[in-house]
Amino acid sequence: MKKFYSNSAALCGFALLLGTMVNLSSCSDAEEVMNPSNLSTGPSAPVSVHVSDFSISTEDFAESRTRAVENPSTYKDVQALTLAFYSGTTEVYSTTQLKSDETTFTTFGEFSLTLPLGSYTMVVIARDSLAGDTFTLTSPTLAAFTSEKVRETFSATQVVSITSTAAQDLSIMLNRVVTKLLVESSDGRIDGVAKIRTTYGAGSKSFDPSTGLAVGNTGFVMTNSPKASIGSPIQISSFAFLTTDEQTMDITLDVLDTNDQVLFTKVVNNVPFKRNRKTLLRGPLFTAGATSTFTIETAWLDDVVVNF
């Protein structure tokens, strides 16, 4: 399997064990999709996929500079696990576990199914999931957040050959495949501000699970409703998929009132991003005519800070 960030200590992943542990429970029928017409006839093998403890390195992404071993059931930014098997581009099995809905799993991160002997592409995607989010997995090379916002996402694919009914163990590492944008205002929120609209000049909300790279490069628009009180600085964040491991793009920040009318606009040109890294934009959002002076920090082992 191709591993991302081979020069970085910031690999974030999940270890998956594929075997024939028939005592594990599968997802509920409501969440599990098996397509018998897409399966070959003949002998079948009981297959279990277990998302076990995984190592999360947060020194280059989250605010904390620590490393820890996490379990999917306790890592707060993974709320959904999708497992799918494809024969070529044809889906033969798909299921999603939702941490908020215990009817979709017996133990979060453990799956059980039966597949005929054959060769498959296994796709595993772990992601955050909030109310109103919609996510689609179309093929081993196309997945997308079809609602407004991208969430933290881990992904990987692997070819799985089931040649007999005997138990087999396979491992796979899921890498964090998003970049994160954090915006902090250096001035206080003023009365009448309702939303901050962020326009990505490139990147995408869809990606290729086999590479973790964006599918498309037209950018997208999303909004945040800041929670800071009047007079206090705000902080908002968002995620995106990049077309390459490192990508530069323009970011437009619009301050909106309750009627979605623009109060202030800030355009930050040539903002550097990198997968599994956080870029920080800091400057005045609520000051008319404020001069925009940008300082770009490119030390990827730390946050990328752009002052405006």
C-alpha atoms as a PDB file:
ATOM      1  CA  MET A   1       0.000   0.000   0.000  1.00  0.00           C
ATOM      2  CA  LYS A   2       1.222   3.475  -0.754  1.00  0.00           C
ATOM      3  CA  LYS A   3       1.909   5.441   2.419  1.00  0.00           C
ATOM      4  CA  PHE A   4       1.543   9.208   2.581  1.00  0.00           C
ATOM      5  CA  TYR A   5       3.941  11.606   4.286  1.00  0.00           C
ATOM      6  CA  SER A   6       6.878   9.223   4.065  1.00  0.00           C
ATOM      7  CA  ASN A   7       9.194  12.016   5.198  1.00  0.00           C
ATOM      8  CA  SER A   8       7.072  13.033   8.164  1.00  0.00           C
ATOM      9  CA  ALA A   9       6.592  11.685  11.654  1.00  0.00           C
ATOM     10  CA  ALA A  10       2.948  12.660  11.456  1.00  0.00           C
ATOM     11  CA  LEU A  11       1.437   9.470  10.043  1.00  0.00           C
ATOM     12  CA  CYS A  12      -1.990   9.069  11.559  1.00  0.00           C
ATOM     13  CA  GLY A  13      -3.634   5.753  11.153  1.00  0.00           C
ATOM     14  CA  PHE A  14      -5.732   2.799  12.019  1.00  0.00           C
ATOM     15  CA  ALA A  15      -4.537  -0.818  12.048  1.00  0.00           C
ATOM     16  CA  LEU A  16      -7.052  -3.179  10.471  1.00  0.00           C
ATOM     17  CA  LEU A  17      -6.976  -6.930  10.977  1.00  0.00           C
ATOM     18  CA  LEU A  18      -8.682  -9.096   8.374  1.00  0.00           C
ATOM     19  CA  GLY A  19      -9.424 -12.690   9.403  1.00  0.00           C
ATOM     20  CA  THR A  20     -12.141 -15.255  10.017  1.00  0.00           C
ATOM     21  CA  MET A  21     -13.225 -14.475  13.572  1.00  0.00           C
ATOM     22  CA  VAL A  22     -16.800 -15.664  13.104  1.00  0.00           C
ATOM     23  CA  ASN A  23     -17.909 -14.763  16.633  1.00  0.00           C
ATOM     24  CA  LEU A  24     -17.774 -11.026  15.909  1.00  0.00           C
ATOM     25  CA  SER A  25     -21.119  -9.371  15.211  1.00  0.00           C
ATOM     26  CA  SER A  26     -21.811  -7.519  11.996  1.00  0.00           C
ATOM     27  CA  CYS A  27     -23.511  -4.183  11.528  1.00  0.00           C
ATOM     28  CA  SER A  28     -27.257  -4.052  11.558  1.00  0.00           C
ATOM     29  CA  ASP A  29     -29.158  -4.966   8.416  1.00  0.00           C
ATOM     30  CA  ALA A  30     -30.256  -1.342   8.086  1.00  0.00           C
ATOM     31  CA  GLU A  31     -26.675  -0.167   7.636  1.00  0.00           C
ATOM     32  CA  GLU A  32     -25.254  -3.117   5.731  1.00  0.00           C
ATOM     33  CA  VAL A  33     -25.528  -3.383   1.949  1.00  0.00           C
ATOM     34  CA  MET A  34     -24.664  -6.620   0.199  1.00  0.00           C
ATOM     35  CA  ASN A  35     -25.196  -6.902  -3.542  1.00  0.00           C
ATOM     36  CA  PRO A  36     -25.605 -10.633  -4.303  1.00  0.00           C
ATOM     37  CA  SER A  37     -25.922 -10.024  -8.051  1.00  0.00           C
ATOM     38  CA  ASN A  38     -22.397  -8.616  -8.032  1.00  0.00           C
ATOM     39  CA  LEU A  39     -20.881 -11.633  -6.279  1.00  0.00           C
ATOM     40  CA  SER A  40     -19.434 -14.677  -7.951  1.00  0.00           C
ATOM     41  CA  THR A  41     -20.914 -18.072  -7.115  1.00  0.00           C
ATOM     42  CA  GLY A  42     -18.973 -20.798  -5.372  1.00  0.00           C
ATOM     43  CA  PRO A  43     -17.249 -21.215  -2.011  1.00  0.00           C
ATOM     44  CA  SER A  44     -17.377 -18.311   0.418  1.00  0.00           C
ATOM     45  CA  ALA A  45     -15.272 -17.269   3.374  1.00  0.00           C
ATOM     46  CA  PRO A  46     -16.400 -15.639   6.613  1.00  0.00           C
ATOM     47  CA  VAL A  47     -14.408 -12.437   6.945  1.00  0.00           C
ATOM     48  CA  SER A  48     -13.935 -10.140   9.921  1.00  0.00           C
ATOM     49  CA  VAL A  49     -12.429  -6.675   9.808  1.00  0.00           C
ATOM     50  CA  HIS A  50     -11.301  -5.227  13.089  1.00  0.00           C
ATOM     51  CA  VAL A  51     -10.280  -1.587  13.472  1.00  0.00           C
ATOM     52  CA  SER A  52      -8.007  -1.999  16.455  1.00  0.00           C
ATOM     53  CA  ASP A  53      -6.050   0.521  18.519  1.00  0.00           C
ATOM     54  CA  PHE A  54      -4.282   2.985  16.279  1.00  0.00           C
ATOM     55  CA  SER A  55      -1.478   5.452  16.733  1.00  0.00           C
ATOM     56  CA  ILE A  56      -2.405   9.123  16.401  1.00  0.00           C
ATOM     57  CA  SER A  57       0.421  11.601  16.015  1.00  0.00           C
ATOM     58  CA  THR A  58      -0.905  15.099  16.620  1.00  0.00           C
ATOM     59  CA  GLU A  59       2.340  17.039  16.793  1.00  0.00           C
ATOM     60  CA  ASP A  60       1.848  18.539  13.336  1.00  0.00           C
ATOM     61  CA  PHE A  61      -1.930  18.880  13.183  1.00  0.00           C
ATOM     62  CA  ALA A  62      -3.814  19.488  16.413  1.00  0.00           C
ATOM     63  CA  GLU A  63      -3.051  22.086  19.040  1.00  0.00           C
ATOM     64  CA  SER A  64      -1.558  19.481  21.360  1.00  0.00           C
ATOM     65  CA  ARG A  65       1.999  18.405  20.572  1.00  0.00           C
ATOM     66  CA  THR A  66       1.657  14.895  21.950  1.00  0.00           C
ATOM     67  CA  ARG A  67       1.530  11.362  20.652  1.00  0.00           C
ATOM     68  CA  ALA A  68      -0.880   8.759  21.911  1.00  0.00           C
ATOM     69  CA  VAL A  69      -2.439   5.415  21.101  1.00  0.00           C
ATOM     70  CA  GLU A  70      -6.145   5.784  20.485  1.00  0.00           C
ATOM     71  CA  ASN A  71      -9.061   3.439  20.013  1.00  0.00           C
ATOM     72  CA  PRO A  72     -11.745   4.327  17.435  1.00  0.00           C
ATOM     73  CA  SER A  73     -14.338   4.283  20.192  1.00  0.00           C
ATOM     74  CA  THR A  74     -12.538   7.014  22.141  1.00  0.00           C
ATOM     75  CA  TYR A  75     -11.049   9.221  19.401  1.00  0.00           C
ATOM     76  CA  LYS A  76     -13.607  12.014  19.366  1.00  0.00           C
ATOM     77  CA  ASP A  77     -13.013  13.178  15.784  1.00  0.00           C
ATOM     78  CA  VAL A  78     -13.882   9.782  14.300  1.00  0.00           C
ATOM     79  CA  GLN A  79     -17.646   9.389  14.463  1.00  0.00           C
ATOM     80  CA  ALA A  80     -18.202   7.152  11.429  1.00  0.00           C
ATOM     81  CA  LEU A  81     -16.420   4.156   9.917  1.00  0.00           C
ATOM     82  CA  THR A  82     -17.206   2.999   6.383  1.00  0.00           C
ATOM     83  CA  LEU A  83     -16.050  -0.360   5.064  1.00  0.00           C
ATOM     84  CA  ALA A  84     -16.607  -1.407   1.451  1.00  0.00           C
ATOM     85  CA  PHE A  85     -15.421  -4.144  -0.888  1.00  0.00           C
ATOM     86  CA  TYR A  86     -15.332  -3.722  -4.659  1.00  0.00           C
ATOM     87  CA  SER A  87     -14.856  -6.165  -7.493  1.00  0.00           C
ATOM     88  CA  GLY A  88     -13.259  -3.850 -10.014  1.00  0.00           C
ATOM     89  CA  THR A  89     -15.453  -0.768  -9.796  1.00  0.00           C
ATOM     90  CA  THR A  90     -18.538  -2.762  -8.745  1.00  0.00           C
ATOM     91  CA  GLU A  91     -19.518  -2.526  -5.107  1.00  0.00           C
ATOM     92  CA  VAL A  92     -20.229  -5.935  -3.568  1.00  0.00           C
ATOM     93  CA  TYR A  93     -20.426  -4.908   0.088  1.00  0.00           C
ATOM     94  CA  SER A  94     -20.712  -1.655   2.021  1.00  0.00           C
ATOM     95  CA  THR A  95     -21.487  -0.758   5.602  1.00  0.00           C
ATOM     96  CA  THR A  96     -21.133   2.278   7.871  1.00  0.00           C
ATOM     97  CA  GLN A  97     -20.915   2.344  11.632  1.00  0.00           C
ATOM     98  CA  LEU A  98     -22.047   5.519  13.398  1.00  0.00           C
ATOM     99  CA  LYS A  99     -20.700   6.076  16.888  1.00  0.00           C
ATOM    100  CA  SER A 100     -23.839   8.024  17.808  1.00  0.00           C
ATOM    101  CA  ASP A 101     -26.112   5.140  16.770  1.00  0.00           C
ATOM    102  CA  GLU A 102     -25.322   1.915  18.596  1.00  0.00           C
ATOM    103  CA  THR A 103     -27.713  -0.041  16.381  1.00  0.00           C
ATOM    104  CA  THR A 104     -25.099   0.143  13.603  1.00  0.00           C
ATOM    105  CA  PHE A 105     -22.509  -1.867  15.534  1.00  0.00           C
ATOM    106  CA  THR A 106     -21.949  -4.266  18.398  1.00  0.00           C
ATOM    107  CA  THR A 107     -18.405  -3.042  19.018  1.00  0.00           C
ATOM    108  CA  PHE A 108     -17.394   0.144  17.204  1.00  0.00           C
ATOM    109  CA  GLY A 109     -14.618  -0.753  14.774  1.00  0.00           C
ATOM    110  CA  GLU A 110     -15.456  -4.440  14.381  1.00  0.00           C
ATOM    111  CA  PHE A 111     -17.129  -5.819  11.255  1.00  0.00           C
ATOM    112  CA  SER A 112     -18.123  -9.296  10.143  1.00  0.00           C
ATOM    113  CA  LEU A 113     -19.211 -10.435   6.693  1.00  0.00           C
ATOM    114  CA  THR A 114     -18.959 -13.257   4.189  1.00  0.00           C
ATOM    115  CA  LEU A 115     -17.400 -12.929   0.748  1.00  0.00           C
ATOM    116  CA  PRO A 116     -16.996 -15.465  -2.068  1.00  0.00           C
ATOM    117  CA  LEU A 117     -13.466 -16.397  -3.012  1.00  0.00           C
ATOM    118  CA  GLY A 118     -11.992 -13.790  -5.306  1.00  0.00           C
ATOM    119  CA  SER A 119     -10.015 -10.578  -5.525  1.00  0.00           C
ATOM    120  CA  TYR A 120     -11.409  -7.345  -4.086  1.00  0.00           C
ATOM    121  CA  THR A 121     -10.445  -3.786  -3.329  1.00  0.00           C
ATOM    122  CA  MET A 122     -11.123  -3.017   0.305  1.00  0.00           C
ATOM    123  CA  VAL A 123     -11.903   0.631   1.091  1.00  0.00           C
ATOM    124  CA  VAL A 124     -11.916   1.923   4.654  1.00  0.00           C
ATOM    125  CA  ILE A 125     -12.783   5.519   5.545  1.00  0.00           C
ATOM    126  CA  ALA A 126     -12.911   6.976   9.040  1.00  0.00           C
ATOM    127  CA  ARG A 127     -14.364  10.446   9.440  1.00  0.00           C
ATOM    128  CA  ASP A 128     -15.974  12.908  11.750  1.00  0.00           C
ATOM    129  CA  SER A 129     -19.739  13.218  11.338  1.00  0.00           C
ATOM    130  CA  LEU A 130     -22.033  15.963  12.583  1.00  0.00           C
ATOM    131  CA  ALA A 131     -25.757  16.597  12.238  1.00  0.00           C
ATOM    132  CA  GLY A 132     -26.681  17.397   8.637  1.00  0.00           C
ATOM    133  CA  ASP A 133     -23.554  15.899   7.107  1.00  0.00           C
ATOM    134  CA  THR A 134     -23.895  13.725   4.022  1.00  0.00           C
ATOM    135  CA  PHE A 135     -21.073  11.569   2.707  1.00  0.00           C
ATOM    136  CA  THR A 136     -20.958   9.291  -0.324  1.00  0.00           C
ATOM    137  CA  LEU A 137     -18.550   6.546  -1.361  1.00  0.00           C
ATOM    138  CA  THR A 138     -19.002   5.875  -5.070  1.00  0.00           C
ATOM    139  CA  SER A 139     -15.986   3.738  -5.952  1.00  0.00           C
ATOM    140  CA  PRO A 140     -12.454   2.915  -4.744  1.00  0.00           C
ATOM    141  CA  THR A 141     -11.377   6.174  -6.384  1.00  0.00           C
ATOM    142  CA  LEU A 142     -14.229   8.551  -5.522  1.00  0.00           C
ATOM    143  CA  ALA A 143     -15.733   9.707  -2.238  1.00  0.00           C
ATOM    144  CA  ALA A 144     -17.191  13.069  -1.280  1.00  0.00           C
ATOM    145  CA  PHE A 145     -18.792  15.204   1.374  1.00  0.00           C
ATOM    146  CA  THR A 146     -21.925  16.316  -0.451  1.00  0.00           C
ATOM    147  CA  SER A 147     -23.098  18.597   2.342  1.00  0.00           C
ATOM    148  CA  GLU A 148     -21.522  21.970   3.065  1.00  0.00           C
ATOM    149  CA  LYS A 149     -18.441  21.066   5.083  1.00  0.00           C
ATOM    150  CA  VAL A 150     -15.522  18.673   4.860  1.00  0.00           C
ATOM    151  CA  ARG A 151     -14.711  16.856   8.106  1.00  0.00           C
ATOM    152  CA  GLU A 152     -11.556  15.283   9.450  1.00  0.00           C
ATOM    153  CA  THR A 153     -10.996  12.203   7.303  1.00  0.00           C
ATOM    154  CA  PHE A 154      -8.725   9.134   7.296  1.00  0.00           C
ATOM    155  CA  SER A 155      -8.648   6.805   4.296  1.00  0.00           C
ATOM    156  CA  ALA A 156      -6.924   3.861   2.629  1.00  0.00           C
ATOM    157  CA  THR A 157      -7.549   1.078   0.113  1.00  0.00           C
ATOM    158  CA  GLN A 158      -5.985  -2.332  -0.325  1.00  0.00           C
ATOM    159  CA  VAL A 159      -6.308  -5.297  -2.655  1.00  0.00           C
ATOM    160  CA  VAL A 160      -7.613  -8.350  -0.787  1.00  0.00           C
ATOM    161  CA  SER A 161      -7.426 -11.819  -2.343  1.00  0.00           C
ATOM    162  CA  ILE A 162      -9.551 -14.499  -0.700  1.00  0.00           C
ATOM    163  CA  THR A 163      -8.234 -17.769  -2.075  1.00  0.00           C
ATOM    164  CA  SER A 164      -9.617 -20.206   0.494  1.00  0.00           C
ATOM    165  CA  THR A 165     -11.856 -20.428   3.520  1.00  0.00           C
ATOM    166  CA  ALA A 166      -8.811 -20.488   5.809  1.00  0.00           C
ATOM    167  CA  ALA A 167      -8.211 -17.570   8.143  1.00  0.00           C
ATOM    168  CA  GLN A 168      -6.005 -14.794   6.866  1.00  0.00           C
ATOM    169  CA  ASP A 169      -4.629 -11.691   8.527  1.00  0.00           C
ATOM    170  CA  LEU A 170      -4.044  -8.458   6.601  1.00  0.00           C
ATOM    171  CA  SER A 171      -3.008  -5.049   7.911  1.00  0.00           C
ATOM    172  CA  ILE A 172      -3.747  -1.611   6.530  1.00  0.00           C
ATOM    173  CA  MET A 173      -2.881   1.922   7.660  1.00  0.00           C
ATOM    174  CA  LEU A 174      -5.355   4.780   7.330  1.00  0.00           C
ATOM    175  CA  ASN A 175      -3.777   8.179   6.838  1.00  0.00           C
ATOM    176  CA  ARG A 176      -5.285  11.544   7.610  1.00  0.00           C
ATOM    177  CA  VAL A 177      -5.931  12.953   4.118  1.00  0.00           C
ATOM    178  CA  VAL A 178      -7.238  16.456   4.843  1.00  0.00           C
ATOM    179  CA  THR A 179      -5.632  19.807   5.469  1.00  0.00           C
ATOM    180  CA  LYS A 180      -6.970  22.136   8.150  1.00  0.00           C
ATOM    181  CA  LEU A 181      -7.495  25.908   7.995  1.00  0.00           C
ATOM    182  CA  LEU A 182      -7.710  27.816  11.255  1.00  0.00           C
ATOM    183  CA  VAL A 183      -8.728  31.492  11.178  1.00  0.00           C
ATOM    184  CA  GLU A 184      -8.183  33.740  14.207  1.00  0.00           C
ATOM    185  CA  SER A 185      -9.160  37.395  14.353  1.00  0.00           C
ATOM    186  CA  SER A 186      -6.739  39.803  16.002  1.00  0.00           C
ATOM    187  CA  ASP A 187      -9.636  42.186  16.711  1.00  0.00           C
ATOM    188  CA  GLY A 188     -12.900  41.677  18.580  1.00  0.00           C
ATOM    189  CA  ARG A 189     -16.194  40.630  17.081  1.00  0.00           C
ATOM    190  CA  ILE A 190     -18.527  43.571  16.492  1.00  0.00           C
ATOM    191  CA  ASP A 191     -22.293  43.729  16.888  1.00  0.00           C
ATOM    192  CA  GLY A 192     -24.220  42.498  13.852  1.00  0.00           C
ATOM    193  CA  VAL A 193     -21.716  39.832  12.757  1.00  0.00           C
ATOM    194  CA  ALA A 194     -23.506  36.520  12.196  1.00  0.00           C
ATOM    195  CA  LYS A 195     -21.257  34.392   9.969  1.00  0.00           C
ATOM    196  CA  ILE A 196     -17.810  34.074   8.435  1.00  0.00           C
ATOM    197  CA  ARG A 197     -17.857  32.762   4.873  1.00  0.00           C
ATOM    198  CA  THR A 198     -14.692  31.033   3.719  1.00  0.00           C
ATOM    199  CA  THR A 199     -14.005  30.551   0.015  1.00  0.00           C
ATOM    200  CA  TYR A 200     -11.270  28.104  -0.959  1.00  0.00           C
ATOM    201  CA  GLY A 201      -9.774  29.154  -4.288  1.00  0.00           C
ATOM    202  CA  ALA A 202      -8.776  25.562  -5.072  1.00  0.00           C
ATOM    203  CA  GLY A 203      -9.009  22.080  -3.612  1.00  0.00           C
ATOM    204  CA  SER A 204     -12.218  20.083  -3.282  1.00  0.00           C
ATOM    205  CA  LYS A 205     -14.775  18.384  -1.050  1.00  0.00           C
ATOM    206  CA  SER A 206     -14.315  15.099  -2.950  1.00  0.00           C
ATOM    207  CA  PHE A 207     -11.291  12.799  -2.939  1.00  0.00           C
ATOM    208  CA  ASP A 208      -9.794   9.561  -4.195  1.00  0.00           C
ATOM    209  CA  PRO A 209      -9.642   7.077  -1.286  1.00  0.00           C
ATOM    210  CA  SER A 210      -6.748   5.219  -2.931  1.00  0.00           C
ATOM    211  CA  THR A 211      -4.507   8.308  -2.923  1.00  0.00           C
ATOM    212  CA  GLY A 212      -6.164  10.715  -0.526  1.00  0.00           C
ATOM    213  CA  LEU A 213      -5.941  13.464  -3.147  1.00  0.00           C
ATOM    214  CA  ALA A 214      -8.752  15.760  -4.221  1.00  0.00           C
ATOM    215  CA  VAL A 215     -10.944  14.937  -7.188  1.00  0.00           C
ATOM    216  CA  GLY A 216     -11.373  18.320  -8.847  1.00  0.00           C
ATOM    217  CA  ASN A 217      -9.691  21.624  -8.081  1.00  0.00           C
ATOM    218  CA  THR A 218     -12.411  24.269  -8.319  1.00  0.00           C
ATOM    219  CA  GLY A 219     -12.559  25.071  -4.611  1.00  0.00           C
ATOM    220  CA  PHE A 220     -15.711  25.472  -2.536  1.00  0.00           C
ATOM    221  CA  VAL A 221     -17.512  27.783  -0.134  1.00  0.00           C
ATOM    222  CA  MET A 222     -18.563  27.152   3.464  1.00  0.00           C
ATOM    223  CA  THR A 223     -19.683  29.261   6.411  1.00  0.00           C
ATOM    224  CA  ASN A 224     -19.117  29.263  10.170  1.00  0.00           C
ATOM    225  CA  SER A 225     -21.165  30.935  12.872  1.00  0.00           C
ATOM    226  CA  PRO A 226     -18.634  32.276  15.401  1.00  0.00           C
ATOM    227  CA  LYS A 227     -19.504  31.714  19.047  1.00  0.00           C
ATOM    228  CA  ALA A 228     -17.301  34.433  20.546  1.00  0.00           C
ATOM    229  CA  SER A 229     -19.080  37.218  22.381  1.00  0.00           C
ATOM    230  CA  ILE A 230     -19.066  40.813  21.107  1.00  0.00           C
ATOM    231  CA  GLY A 231     -15.666  42.370  21.687  1.00  0.00           C
ATOM    232  CA  SER A 232     -13.847  39.034  21.802  1.00  0.00           C
ATOM    233  CA  PRO A 233     -11.618  37.591  19.051  1.00  0.00           C
ATOM    234  CA  ILE A 234     -13.086  34.718  17.060  1.00  0.00           C
ATOM    235  CA  GLN A 235     -11.602  31.412  15.958  1.00  0.00           C
ATOM    236  CA  ILE A 236     -13.061  29.198  13.210  1.00  0.00           C
ATOM    237  CA  SER A 237     -11.747  26.128  11.420  1.00  0.00           C
ATOM    238  CA  SER A 238     -12.436  24.085   8.303  1.00  0.00           C
ATOM    239  CA  PHE A 239     -10.983  21.208   6.273  1.00  0.00           C
ATOM    240  CA  ALA A 240     -10.264  20.574   2.591  1.00  0.00           C
ATOM    241  CA  PHE A 241      -8.806  17.982   0.226  1.00  0.00           C
ATOM    242  CA  LEU A 242      -5.752  18.990  -1.814  1.00  0.00           C
ATOM    243  CA  THR A 243      -4.794  17.949  -5.339  1.00  0.00           C
ATOM    244  CA  THR A 244      -1.176  17.423  -4.288  1.00  0.00           C
ATOM    245  CA  ASP A 245       0.526  16.843  -0.966  1.00  0.00           C
ATOM    246  CA  GLU A 246       1.344  20.557  -0.849  1.00  0.00           C
ATOM    247  CA  GLN A 247      -0.810  23.192  -2.544  1.00  0.00           C
ATOM    248  CA  THR A 248      -1.046  26.976  -2.576  1.00  0.00           C
ATOM    249  CA  MET A 249      -4.338  28.815  -3.065  1.00  0.00           C
ATOM    250  CA  ASP A 250      -6.167  32.063  -2.345  1.00  0.00           C
ATOM    251  CA  ILE A 251      -8.529  32.236   0.630  1.00  0.00           C
ATOM    252  CA  THR A 252     -11.376  34.774   0.790  1.00  0.00           C
ATOM    253  CA  LEU A 253     -13.000  35.598   4.129  1.00  0.00           C
ATOM    254  CA  ASP A 254     -16.359  37.414   4.069  1.00  0.00           C
ATOM    255  CA  VAL A 255     -17.876  38.752   7.290  1.00  0.00           C
ATOM    256  CA  LEU A 256     -21.683  38.485   6.984  1.00  0.00           C
ATOM    257  CA  ASP A 257     -24.578  39.991   8.887  1.00  0.00           C
ATOM    258  CA  THR A 258     -27.819  38.228   9.786  1.00  0.00           C
ATOM    259  CA  ASN A 259     -29.134  38.818   6.225  1.00  0.00           C
ATOM    260  CA  ASP A 260     -25.988  37.337   4.651  1.00  0.00           C
ATOM    261  CA  GLN A 261     -24.884  40.777   3.489  1.00  0.00           C
ATOM    262  CA  VAL A 262     -21.123  41.299   3.334  1.00  0.00           C
ATOM    263  CA  LEU A 263     -19.757  43.655   6.012  1.00  0.00           C
ATOM    264  CA  PHE A 264     -16.023  43.112   5.420  1.00  0.00           C
ATOM    265  CA  THR A 265     -13.942  41.070   2.975  1.00  0.00           C
ATOM    266  CA  LYS A 266     -10.370  39.884   3.410  1.00  0.00           C
ATOM    267  CA  VAL A 267      -8.496  38.120   0.601  1.00  0.00           C
ATOM    268  CA  VAL A 268      -5.324  36.257   1.536  1.00  0.00           C
ATOM    269  CA  ASN A 269      -3.350  35.285  -1.548  1.00  0.00           C
ATOM    270  CA  ASN A 270      -1.045  32.307  -2.006  1.00  0.00           C
ATOM    271  CA  VAL A 271      -1.815  30.562   1.263  1.00  0.00           C
ATOM    272  CA  PRO A 272       0.294  27.379   1.639  1.00  0.00           C
ATOM    273  CA  PHE A 273      -1.396  24.133   2.649  1.00  0.00           C
ATOM    274  CA  LYS A 274      -0.143  20.620   3.250  1.00  0.00           C
ATOM    275  CA  ARG A 275      -2.007  17.422   4.000  1.00  0.00           C
ATOM    276  CA  ASN A 276      -2.002  16.473   7.660  1.00  0.00           C
ATOM    277  CA  ARG A 277      -0.949  20.029   8.554  1.00  0.00           C
ATOM    278  CA  LYS A 278      -2.753  23.045   9.905  1.00  0.00           C
ATOM    279  CA  THR A 279      -2.469  26.513   8.348  1.00  0.00           C
ATOM    280  CA  LEU A 280      -3.274  29.446  10.610  1.00  0.00           C
ATOM    281  CA  LEU A 281      -4.522  32.795   9.300  1.00  0.00           C
ATOM    282  CA  ARG A 282      -4.412  35.585  11.868  1.00  0.00           C
ATOM    283  CA  GLY A 283      -5.398  39.233  11.425  1.00  0.00           C
ATOM    284  CA  PRO A 284      -8.152  41.879  11.723  1.00  0.00           C
ATOM    285  CA  LEU A 285     -11.518  40.744  10.363  1.00  0.00           C
ATOM    286  CA  PHE A 286     -13.764  43.474  11.722  1.00  0.00           C
ATOM    287  CA  THR A 287     -11.754  46.608  10.905  1.00  0.00           C
ATOM    288  CA  ALA A 288     -12.677  48.537   7.773  1.00  0.00           C
ATOM    289  CA  GLY A 289      -9.726  49.479   5.605  1.00  0.00           C
ATOM    290  CA  ALA A 290      -7.205  47.530   7.675  1.00  0.00           C
ATOM    291  CA  THR A 291      -3.940  47.087   5.819  1.00  0.00           C
ATOM    292  CA  SER A 292      -3.273  43.463   4.937  1.00  0.00           C
ATOM    293  CA  THR A 293       0.340  42.491   5.565  1.00  0.00           C
ATOM    294  CA  PHE A 294       1.082  38.808   5.224  1.00  0.00           C
ATOM    295  CA  THR A 295       3.834  36.829   6.866  1.00  0.00           C
ATOM    296  CA  ILE A 296       4.061  33.230   5.702  1.00  0.00           C
ATOM    297  CA  GLU A 297       5.765  30.630   7.848  1.00  0.00           C
ATOM    298  CA  THR A 298       6.764  27.516   5.899  1.00  0.00           C
ATOM    299  CA  ALA A 299       8.292  25.373   8.627  1.00  0.00           C
ATOM    300  CA  TRP A 300       6.026  22.387   8.080  1.00  0.00           C
ATOM    301  CA  LEU A 301       6.943  20.734  11.376  1.00  0.00           C
ATOM    302  CA  ASP A 302       4.976  23.506  13.026  1.00  0.00           C
ATOM    303  CA  ASP A 303       1.745  25.262  12.118  1.00  0.00           C
ATOM    304  CA  VAL A 304       1.812  27.500   9.059  1.00  0.00           C
ATOM    305  CA  VAL A 305       1.004  30.999  10.306  1.00  0.00           C
ATOM    306  CA  VAL A 306      -0.134  33.759   7.948  1.00  0.00           C
ATOM    307  CA  ASN A 307      -0.658  37.151   9.556  1.00  0.00           C
ATOM    308  CA  PHE A 308      -2.958  39.574   7.775  1.00  0.00           C
END
